[in-house]
Amino acid sequence: MSQTYSQLVDPAEGRVNASIYADEAIYEAEMDRVFGQSWLFLAHESMLPKRGDYLTTTMGDDPVVVVNKGGGEFAAFMNQCRHRGMKICRADQGNARAFTCSYHGWVYDMQGNLTQVPHEEDGYLSALDKGKLGAQSVPRIVSYRGFLFGTWSTSLPEFDEYLGDMAWYFDSFADRWERSEVLGAPNRWTIDCNWKFPSEQFATDVYHAETSHVSALIAQGGDWVTPETKGLQFSSPGGHGTGFYLDDAPDMTNYGEVAQEYRIESRAREIERLGETRAIHVRGHNTVFPNFSFLIGTNTFRVWHPRGPHQIEVMAWTLGDAAAPDEVKDAMRRNALRTFSAGGLFEAEDGENWSEIQDTLKGRRARRSDFDFTMGLGATTTTPGFPGATSNIYSEEAGRAFYRRWLSLMEGAL
């Protein structure tokens, strides 16, 4: 890469060079400087209800195991044996007292400590220091409203500070019910695009909906015309962002007749818990930097796992009220699948956009292009009743904040 990062990304002028989505060297640097210096989503506590429950995921492109240690404590460590690098755990999830490498039989406990080694006496002459050969541990894990986040960084601010004003918006999703739970297994698929495209869109881009999603909205039964919507966009120095409507936007939460009574009762409880503004109006799309996103209304949340500069693996879940009747939970889950999943009406349209962009970036000249991020430039303000910096819902201020944070990390800041 001959140019500096600040030559490629200029949030103040609203300019982002296309090469940051396709350059191998930039991607490699991101894994250390962005994903190594951010809080990353690991799991929701309801996915790991019992001691010994585990699941496998990634932090950036590094595979990790997340385990319920019991007593309300969780551990996460690299899914990599210290002998020859084989995965310690090859299952997506389960329950275990220990993890055994299937290559040479090294055994690790629920915290990733190496506990047993075949032929330790006659092969290693009882000289192997197992205490130094545990799986690489994720040094910091936090549970926030039941959502587990981890970081490799020992110097990053605590998660509450990391969220900043985004906590108020995140809580409208994460703290909507007295107790939340994940409904069903994750929906997972791959898209041939760079991880920043979906992360950025969920932080800032309401603009695309009336063009990209008009067919899906009509298919949902809406009489769709270009809306004269009122709304806000929140942008954060931490790179987080959200956009949400303040008026009557199209309703995508059609759970069917069976759920109508529950929804009326639940809405009253949500207003009491969150206040009317958050319970009713703060219901758009959101990103917690760098790659954790959620949609209020369809109750979906997901991680955009990078798989090289040209591909992501998406893992998406549905969050629901743990106290809701099973019929309602199933309706919530099916609604999320119908709208935002691998086969969802809206998700398919988003994925097509991102993959087409990435395909265009195969071109040499295309990779040299500058993209325009000037929508709403200079119009950021504050709005009473809404924490942090706000702008019109049709803005790219949260996108500029996203790349401002990206740039600072790539240049070595925390």
Protein backbone atom coordinates (compact mmCIF):
# COMPACT_ATOMS: atom_id res chain seq x y z
CA MET A 1 0.00 0.00 0.00
CA SER A 2 1.70 3.17 -1.19
CA GLN A 3 -0.76 5.64 0.37
CA THR A 4 -1.25 6.32 4.06
CA TYR A 5 -4.59 5.50 5.66
CA SER A 6 -5.40 9.20 6.09
CA GLN A 7 -4.92 9.66 2.34
CA LEU A 8 -7.47 6.91 1.71
CA VAL A 9 -10.08 7.92 4.29
CA ASP A 10 -11.00 11.54 4.98
CA PRO A 11 -14.17 11.70 7.13
CA ALA A 12 -13.97 15.48 7.41
CA GLU A 13 -14.38 15.81 3.65
CA GLY A 14 -16.71 12.82 3.31
CA ARG A 15 -14.38 10.71 1.18
CA VAL A 16 -13.49 7.00 1.38
CA ASN A 17 -11.25 5.30 -1.14
CA ALA A 18 -12.54 1.98 -2.49
CA SER A 19 -9.23 0.23 -1.94
CA ILE A 20 -9.92 -0.18 1.80
CA TYR A 21 -12.54 -2.81 0.93
CA ALA A 22 -10.30 -4.92 -1.29
CA ASP A 23 -6.66 -4.56 -0.28
CA GLU A 24 -5.08 -7.64 1.35
CA ALA A 25 -2.53 -5.62 3.33
CA ILE A 26 -5.23 -3.35 4.74
CA TYR A 27 -7.28 -6.38 5.76
CA GLU A 28 -4.30 -7.93 7.57
CA ALA A 29 -3.68 -4.68 9.42
CA GLU A 30 -7.38 -4.49 10.39
CA MET A 31 -7.22 -7.83 12.16
CA ASP A 32 -4.61 -6.46 14.57
CA ARG A 33 -5.47 -2.78 14.77
CA VAL A 34 -9.29 -2.82 14.57
CA PHE A 35 -10.36 -6.28 15.74
CA GLY A 36 -7.47 -6.58 18.17
CA GLN A 37 -8.35 -3.23 19.76
CA SER A 38 -12.16 -3.42 20.01
CA TRP A 39 -14.80 -5.11 22.12
CA LEU A 40 -16.24 -7.98 20.06
CA PHE A 41 -19.50 -9.87 20.54
CA LEU A 42 -19.04 -13.47 21.73
CA ALA A 43 -22.44 -14.85 22.77
CA HIS A 44 -25.65 -14.19 24.64
CA GLU A 45 -25.85 -15.78 28.08
CA SER A 46 -29.02 -17.63 27.12
CA MET A 47 -27.01 -19.56 24.52
CA LEU A 48 -24.92 -21.03 27.37
CA PRO A 49 -27.37 -21.65 30.22
CA LYS A 50 -25.57 -24.51 32.03
CA ARG A 51 -22.09 -25.05 33.39
CA GLY A 52 -19.97 -26.64 30.69
CA ASP A 53 -22.07 -25.27 27.82
CA TYR A 54 -19.87 -23.98 25.04
CA LEU A 55 -19.99 -22.59 21.54
CA THR A 56 -17.38 -21.78 18.92
CA THR A 57 -17.16 -18.44 17.15
CA THR A 58 -14.49 -16.04 15.91
CA MET A 59 -13.00 -12.76 17.02
CA GLY A 60 -12.05 -11.16 13.76
CA ASP A 61 -10.81 -14.18 11.86
CA ASP A 62 -9.41 -15.97 14.93
CA PRO A 63 -11.41 -19.02 16.12
CA VAL A 64 -12.37 -19.05 19.80
CA VAL A 65 -14.31 -21.23 22.24
CA VAL A 66 -16.72 -19.55 24.68
CA VAL A 67 -17.60 -21.56 27.81
CA ASN A 68 -19.93 -21.22 30.79
CA LYS A 69 -17.64 -21.91 33.75
CA GLY A 70 -20.51 -21.90 36.23
CA GLY A 71 -21.40 -19.41 38.92
CA GLY A 72 -22.25 -16.75 36.34
CA GLU A 73 -18.72 -16.70 34.94
CA PHE A 74 -17.62 -17.26 31.35
CA ALA A 75 -14.30 -17.94 29.65
CA ALA A 76 -13.11 -17.59 26.07
CA PHE A 77 -9.90 -18.87 24.54
CA MET A 78 -8.32 -19.58 21.19
CA ASN A 79 -9.62 -22.71 19.51
CA GLN A 80 -6.08 -23.82 18.80
CA CYS A 81 -3.99 -26.57 20.36
CA ARG A 82 -0.58 -25.40 21.51
CA HIS A 83 1.09 -28.52 20.13
CA ARG A 84 0.49 -28.31 16.37
CA GLY A 85 -2.37 -25.85 16.05
CA MET A 86 -5.31 -28.21 15.52
CA LYS A 87 -8.69 -26.98 16.75
CA ILE A 88 -9.36 -27.95 20.34
CA CYS A 89 -13.10 -28.06 19.67
CA ARG A 90 -14.58 -29.03 16.31
CA ALA A 91 -18.29 -28.73 17.19
CA ASP A 92 -20.42 -25.59 16.88
CA GLN A 93 -21.84 -25.96 20.40
CA GLY A 94 -22.48 -28.48 23.16
CA ASN A 95 -21.63 -29.30 26.75
CA ALA A 96 -18.28 -30.62 27.92
CA ARG A 97 -16.08 -30.95 30.97
CA ALA A 98 -12.93 -30.73 28.87
CA PHE A 99 -11.75 -30.37 25.27
CA THR A 100 -9.49 -32.93 23.63
CA CYS A 101 -7.46 -32.18 20.54
CA SER A 102 -8.25 -34.90 18.00
CA TYR A 103 -4.73 -34.78 16.53
CA HIS A 104 -2.48 -35.82 19.44
CA GLY A 105 -4.90 -35.98 22.36
CA TRP A 106 -3.88 -32.95 24.40
CA VAL A 107 -6.66 -32.14 26.88
CA TYR A 108 -7.77 -28.65 27.96
CA ASP A 109 -10.20 -27.73 30.73
CA MET A 110 -13.12 -25.27 30.59
CA GLN A 111 -10.76 -22.32 31.01
CA GLY A 112 -8.37 -23.48 28.31
CA ASN A 113 -5.71 -24.76 30.71
CA LEU A 114 -3.69 -27.74 29.47
CA THR A 115 -4.38 -30.59 31.90
CA GLN A 116 -3.36 -33.86 30.22
CA VAL A 117 -0.80 -34.87 27.60
CA PRO A 118 -0.38 -38.44 26.26
CA HIS A 119 3.07 -39.92 26.89
CA GLU A 120 3.97 -37.11 29.24
CA GLU A 121 6.37 -39.37 31.16
CA ASP A 122 7.99 -41.55 28.50
CA GLY A 123 7.72 -39.10 25.61
CA TYR A 124 8.30 -35.75 27.31
CA LEU A 125 10.37 -37.23 30.15
CA SER A 126 8.05 -35.49 32.65
CA ALA A 127 9.64 -32.18 31.64
CA LEU A 128 6.70 -30.55 29.85
CA ASP A 129 5.52 -27.37 31.57
CA LYS A 130 1.76 -27.63 30.99
CA GLY A 131 1.18 -24.39 32.86
CA LYS A 132 2.80 -22.47 30.00
CA LEU A 133 0.94 -24.28 27.24
CA GLY A 134 -2.69 -23.44 27.86
CA ALA A 135 -4.82 -22.12 25.03
CA GLN A 136 -4.41 -18.39 24.51
CA SER A 137 -7.02 -16.79 26.76
CA VAL A 138 -9.21 -13.82 25.91
CA PRO A 139 -8.07 -11.58 28.77
CA ARG A 140 -11.25 -9.54 29.24
CA ILE A 141 -14.90 -10.59 29.01
CA VAL A 142 -17.92 -8.56 30.07
CA SER A 143 -21.61 -9.36 30.29
CA TYR A 144 -23.79 -6.40 29.35
CA ARG A 145 -27.55 -6.99 29.61
CA GLY A 146 -26.79 -10.67 28.97
CA PHE A 147 -24.63 -9.97 25.90
CA LEU A 148 -21.07 -11.24 26.26
CA PHE A 149 -18.29 -9.18 24.70
CA GLY A 150 -14.57 -9.88 24.78
CA THR A 151 -11.39 -8.10 23.77
CA TRP A 152 -7.77 -9.07 23.25
CA SER A 153 -6.74 -5.61 24.44
CA THR A 154 -5.67 -5.03 28.03
CA SER A 155 -5.66 -1.23 27.61
CA LEU A 156 -9.03 -0.62 25.95
CA PRO A 157 -11.54 1.30 28.13
CA GLU A 158 -14.19 -0.70 29.99
CA PHE A 159 -17.21 -1.70 27.93
CA ASP A 160 -19.54 0.93 29.42
CA GLU A 161 -17.11 3.65 28.45
CA TYR A 162 -16.55 2.02 25.08
CA LEU A 163 -20.29 2.22 24.36
CA GLY A 164 -20.67 5.78 25.61
CA ASP A 165 -23.99 7.28 24.55
CA MET A 166 -24.65 4.22 22.39
CA ALA A 167 -25.67 2.43 25.61
CA TRP A 168 -28.97 4.36 25.64
CA TYR A 169 -29.78 3.13 22.14
CA PHE A 170 -28.45 -0.41 22.69
CA ASP A 171 -30.57 -0.73 25.83
CA SER A 172 -33.72 -0.16 23.76
CA PHE A 173 -32.92 -3.56 22.27
CA ALA A 174 -30.96 -5.38 24.96
CA ASP A 175 -33.04 -4.26 27.96
CA ARG A 176 -36.52 -4.30 26.41
CA TRP A 177 -37.78 -7.18 28.55
CA GLU A 178 -37.07 -8.22 32.12
CA ARG A 179 -35.29 -11.28 30.77
CA SER A 180 -34.33 -11.88 27.15
CA GLU A 181 -33.35 -15.07 25.43
CA VAL A 182 -32.12 -16.17 22.03
CA LEU A 183 -34.82 -17.97 20.09
CA GLY A 184 -33.54 -20.98 18.20
CA ALA A 185 -30.22 -21.74 16.55
CA PRO A 186 -28.16 -19.17 14.64
CA ASN A 187 -28.82 -18.61 10.98
CA ARG A 188 -25.44 -18.49 9.23
CA TRP A 189 -24.31 -17.89 5.68
CA THR A 190 -21.54 -16.28 3.65
CA ILE A 191 -21.62 -13.18 1.47
CA ASP A 192 -18.87 -12.20 -0.94
CA CYS A 193 -18.26 -8.72 0.40
CA ASN A 194 -16.03 -6.79 2.76
CA TRP A 195 -17.12 -6.69 6.42
CA LYS A 196 -17.28 -2.89 6.47
CA PHE A 197 -20.17 -2.67 3.98
CA PRO A 198 -22.83 -4.26 6.24
CA SER A 199 -21.38 -2.79 9.45
CA GLU A 200 -21.44 0.70 7.97
CA GLN A 201 -24.93 0.27 6.48
CA PHE A 202 -26.45 -0.79 9.79
CA ALA A 203 -24.81 2.22 11.47
CA THR A 204 -25.81 4.94 9.03
CA ASP A 205 -27.69 4.00 5.88
CA VAL A 206 -31.45 4.49 6.02
CA TYR A 207 -31.13 6.10 2.58
CA HIS A 208 -31.08 2.77 0.72
CA ALA A 209 -34.38 1.42 2.04
CA GLU A 210 -36.82 3.22 -0.24
CA THR A 211 -34.90 2.02 -3.30
CA SER A 212 -33.44 -1.35 -2.35
CA HIS A 213 -36.38 -2.64 -0.31
CA VAL A 214 -39.43 -1.35 -2.13
CA SER A 215 -40.19 -4.77 -3.65
CA ALA A 216 -39.83 -6.51 -0.28
CA LEU A 217 -42.11 -3.97 1.40
CA ILE A 218 -44.74 -4.46 -1.31
CA ALA A 219 -44.40 -8.24 -0.91
CA GLN A 220 -45.05 -7.72 2.81
CA GLY A 221 -48.42 -6.28 1.90
CA GLY A 222 -47.61 -2.59 2.07
CA ASP A 223 -48.90 0.07 -0.28
CA TRP A 224 -45.46 1.59 -0.58
CA VAL A 225 -44.68 5.08 -1.75
CA THR A 226 -41.61 7.18 -1.05
CA PRO A 227 -42.12 8.16 2.58
CA GLU A 228 -41.85 11.61 4.04
CA THR A 229 -40.28 10.16 7.14
CA LYS A 230 -39.04 12.00 10.17
CA GLY A 231 -36.22 10.48 12.11
CA LEU A 232 -32.81 10.82 13.64
CA GLN A 233 -29.37 9.37 13.23
CA PHE A 234 -27.04 9.00 16.21
CA SER A 235 -23.29 8.98 15.66
CA SER A 236 -20.58 8.18 18.17
CA PRO A 237 -16.87 8.99 18.52
CA GLY A 238 -16.50 5.25 19.13
CA GLY A 239 -17.74 4.46 15.63
CA HIS A 240 -21.16 3.22 16.75
CA GLY A 241 -24.28 4.44 15.03
CA THR A 242 -28.03 4.09 14.70
CA GLY A 243 -30.85 5.47 12.59
CA PHE A 244 -34.50 5.38 13.57
CA TYR A 245 -37.90 6.79 12.60
CA LEU A 246 -39.92 9.14 14.79
CA ASP A 247 -43.16 8.84 12.83
CA ASP A 248 -45.18 5.87 11.62
CA ALA A 249 -42.73 3.95 9.48
CA PRO A 250 -43.69 0.66 7.77
CA ASP A 251 -44.27 -2.07 10.35
CA MET A 252 -42.18 -5.18 9.77
CA THR A 253 -43.23 -6.99 12.96
CA ASN A 254 -46.24 -8.91 11.69
CA TYR A 255 -46.15 -11.93 13.98
CA GLY A 256 -49.66 -13.08 13.04
CA GLU A 257 -52.95 -13.06 14.92
CA VAL A 258 -51.72 -15.43 17.63
CA ALA A 259 -49.33 -12.77 18.89
CA GLN A 260 -51.62 -9.74 18.86
CA GLU A 261 -52.79 -10.03 22.47
CA TYR A 262 -49.25 -10.58 23.69
CA ARG A 263 -47.98 -7.59 21.73
CA ILE A 264 -50.52 -5.23 23.28
CA GLU A 265 -49.64 -6.36 26.79
CA SER A 266 -45.92 -6.42 26.06
CA ARG A 267 -45.91 -2.94 24.53
CA ALA A 268 -47.36 -1.49 27.74
CA ARG A 269 -44.62 -3.18 29.77
CA GLU A 270 -41.92 -1.99 27.36
CA ILE A 271 -43.12 1.62 27.64
CA GLU A 272 -43.06 1.36 31.43
CA ARG A 273 -39.55 -0.10 31.30
CA LEU A 274 -37.93 2.09 28.64
CA GLY A 275 -40.20 5.10 28.29
CA GLU A 276 -42.37 5.78 25.27
CA THR A 277 -39.61 7.32 23.17
CA ARG A 278 -37.34 4.29 23.27
CA ALA A 279 -40.07 1.67 23.36
CA ILE A 280 -41.92 3.03 20.33
CA HIS A 281 -39.61 5.21 18.25
CA VAL A 282 -35.99 4.06 18.72
CA ARG A 283 -36.47 1.00 16.55
CA GLY A 284 -34.12 1.27 13.60
CA HIS A 285 -30.84 -0.33 12.59
CA ASN A 286 -27.70 -0.17 14.70
CA THR A 287 -24.02 -1.08 14.78
CA VAL A 288 -21.74 -1.38 17.80
CA PHE A 289 -18.31 -0.87 16.27
CA PRO A 290 -16.82 -2.74 14.56
CA ASN A 291 -19.11 -5.61 13.45
CA PHE A 292 -22.04 -6.22 15.83
CA SER A 293 -25.41 -5.08 14.48
CA PHE A 294 -29.05 -5.34 15.49
CA LEU A 295 -32.49 -4.37 14.22
CA ILE A 296 -35.23 -3.41 16.66
CA GLY A 297 -38.65 -4.52 15.47
CA THR A 298 -37.58 -7.69 13.73
CA ASN A 299 -35.57 -8.57 16.87
CA THR A 300 -32.56 -9.76 14.91
CA PHE A 301 -28.92 -9.30 15.89
CA ARG A 302 -25.85 -10.47 14.07
CA VAL A 303 -22.08 -10.45 13.66
CA TRP A 304 -20.35 -9.80 10.35
CA HIS A 305 -17.34 -12.10 10.71
CA PRO A 306 -14.52 -11.17 8.30
CA ARG A 307 -13.23 -13.99 6.10
CA GLY A 308 -10.59 -12.13 4.15
CA PRO A 309 -11.12 -8.79 2.40
CA HIS A 310 -13.70 -10.21 -0.03
CA GLN A 311 -16.00 -12.35 2.13
CA ILE A 312 -17.91 -12.41 5.40
CA GLU A 313 -19.67 -15.10 7.37
CA VAL A 314 -22.89 -13.84 8.92
CA MET A 315 -24.20 -15.29 12.16
CA ALA A 316 -27.70 -14.01 12.99
CA TRP A 317 -30.04 -14.72 15.90
CA THR A 318 -33.50 -13.69 17.07
CA LEU A 319 -33.87 -12.13 20.53
CA GLY A 320 -37.15 -12.50 22.35
CA ASP A 321 -38.93 -12.10 25.65
CA ALA A 322 -38.10 -15.13 27.81
CA ALA A 323 -41.52 -14.85 29.46
CA ALA A 324 -43.48 -14.87 26.19
CA PRO A 325 -45.64 -17.90 25.34
CA ASP A 326 -43.91 -20.49 23.15
CA GLU A 327 -46.33 -19.72 20.31
CA VAL A 328 -45.27 -16.10 20.37
CA LYS A 329 -41.57 -16.94 20.52
CA ASP A 330 -41.97 -19.14 17.46
CA ALA A 331 -43.83 -16.36 15.65
CA MET A 332 -41.03 -13.91 16.49
CA ARG A 333 -38.41 -16.35 15.23
CA ARG A 334 -40.26 -17.05 11.98
CA ASN A 335 -40.81 -13.35 11.37
CA ALA A 336 -37.08 -12.68 11.71
CA LEU A 337 -36.30 -15.53 9.33
CA ARG A 338 -38.83 -14.22 6.80
CA THR A 339 -37.32 -10.73 6.80
CA PHE A 340 -33.67 -10.79 7.89
CA SER A 341 -32.00 -14.17 7.41
CA ALA A 342 -30.16 -15.95 4.61
CA GLY A 343 -33.48 -16.28 2.76
CA GLY A 344 -35.12 -13.16 4.17
CA LEU A 345 -36.85 -10.68 1.88
CA PHE A 346 -34.82 -7.70 3.03
CA GLU A 347 -31.56 -9.51 3.75
CA ALA A 348 -31.34 -10.95 0.24
CA GLU A 349 -31.57 -7.48 -1.26
CA ASP A 350 -28.87 -6.13 1.04
CA GLY A 351 -26.55 -9.04 0.30
CA GLU A 352 -26.98 -8.60 -3.43
CA ASN A 353 -25.96 -4.94 -3.16
CA TRP A 354 -22.85 -5.72 -1.13
CA SER A 355 -21.70 -8.63 -3.30
CA GLU A 356 -22.23 -6.63 -6.51
CA ILE A 357 -20.10 -3.82 -5.10
CA GLN A 358 -17.38 -6.29 -4.17
CA ASP A 359 -17.50 -7.84 -7.63
CA THR A 360 -17.01 -4.40 -9.17
CA LEU A 361 -13.96 -3.91 -6.97
CA LYS A 362 -12.19 -6.65 -8.91
CA GLY A 363 -11.47 -3.90 -11.43
CA ARG A 364 -8.18 -2.06 -11.09
CA ARG A 365 -9.65 1.36 -11.76
CA ALA A 366 -12.69 0.59 -9.62
CA ARG A 367 -10.41 0.00 -6.63
CA ARG A 368 -8.93 3.48 -7.11
CA SER A 369 -12.31 5.20 -6.92
CA ASP A 370 -13.32 7.55 -4.13
CA PHE A 371 -16.78 7.02 -2.61
CA ASP A 372 -18.89 9.98 -1.53
CA PHE A 373 -19.90 10.29 2.13
CA THR A 374 -21.07 13.90 2.19
CA MET A 375 -24.78 13.47 2.96
CA GLY A 376 -25.60 15.74 5.90
CA LEU A 377 -22.01 16.93 6.23
CA GLY A 378 -21.82 19.78 8.72
CA ALA A 379 -25.39 19.38 9.97
CA THR A 380 -24.74 17.38 13.13
CA THR A 381 -26.46 18.77 16.20
CA THR A 382 -28.08 17.60 19.42
CA THR A 383 -31.74 16.76 19.99
CA PRO A 384 -33.41 17.10 23.41
CA GLY A 385 -34.26 13.72 24.84
CA PHE A 386 -31.76 11.82 22.68
CA PRO A 387 -28.22 11.35 24.03
CA GLY A 388 -25.16 12.19 21.96
CA ALA A 389 -24.69 13.73 18.55
CA THR A 390 -27.70 13.53 16.25
CA SER A 391 -28.54 14.44 12.67
CA ASN A 392 -31.36 13.91 10.22
CA ILE A 393 -32.15 10.26 9.57
CA TYR A 394 -31.06 10.82 5.96
CA SER A 395 -27.41 11.47 6.72
CA GLU A 396 -24.06 9.73 6.55
CA GLU A 397 -22.71 11.23 9.76
CA ALA A 398 -22.65 7.87 11.54
CA GLY A 399 -20.82 6.46 8.52
CA ARG A 400 -18.23 9.22 8.77
CA ALA A 401 -17.92 8.49 12.50
CA PHE A 402 -17.50 4.79 11.71
CA TYR A 403 -14.57 5.54 9.37
CA ARG A 404 -13.16 8.15 11.71
CA ARG A 405 -12.87 5.45 14.38
CA TRP A 406 -11.53 2.97 11.83
CA LEU A 407 -8.88 5.48 10.77
CA SER A 408 -7.78 6.27 14.32
CA LEU A 409 -7.32 2.59 15.10
CA MET A 410 -5.50 1.90 11.87
CA GLU A 411 -3.13 4.73 12.74
CA GLY A 412 -2.46 3.30 16.17
CA ALA A 413 -4.86 5.08 18.54
CA LEU A 414 -7.08 3.41 21.15
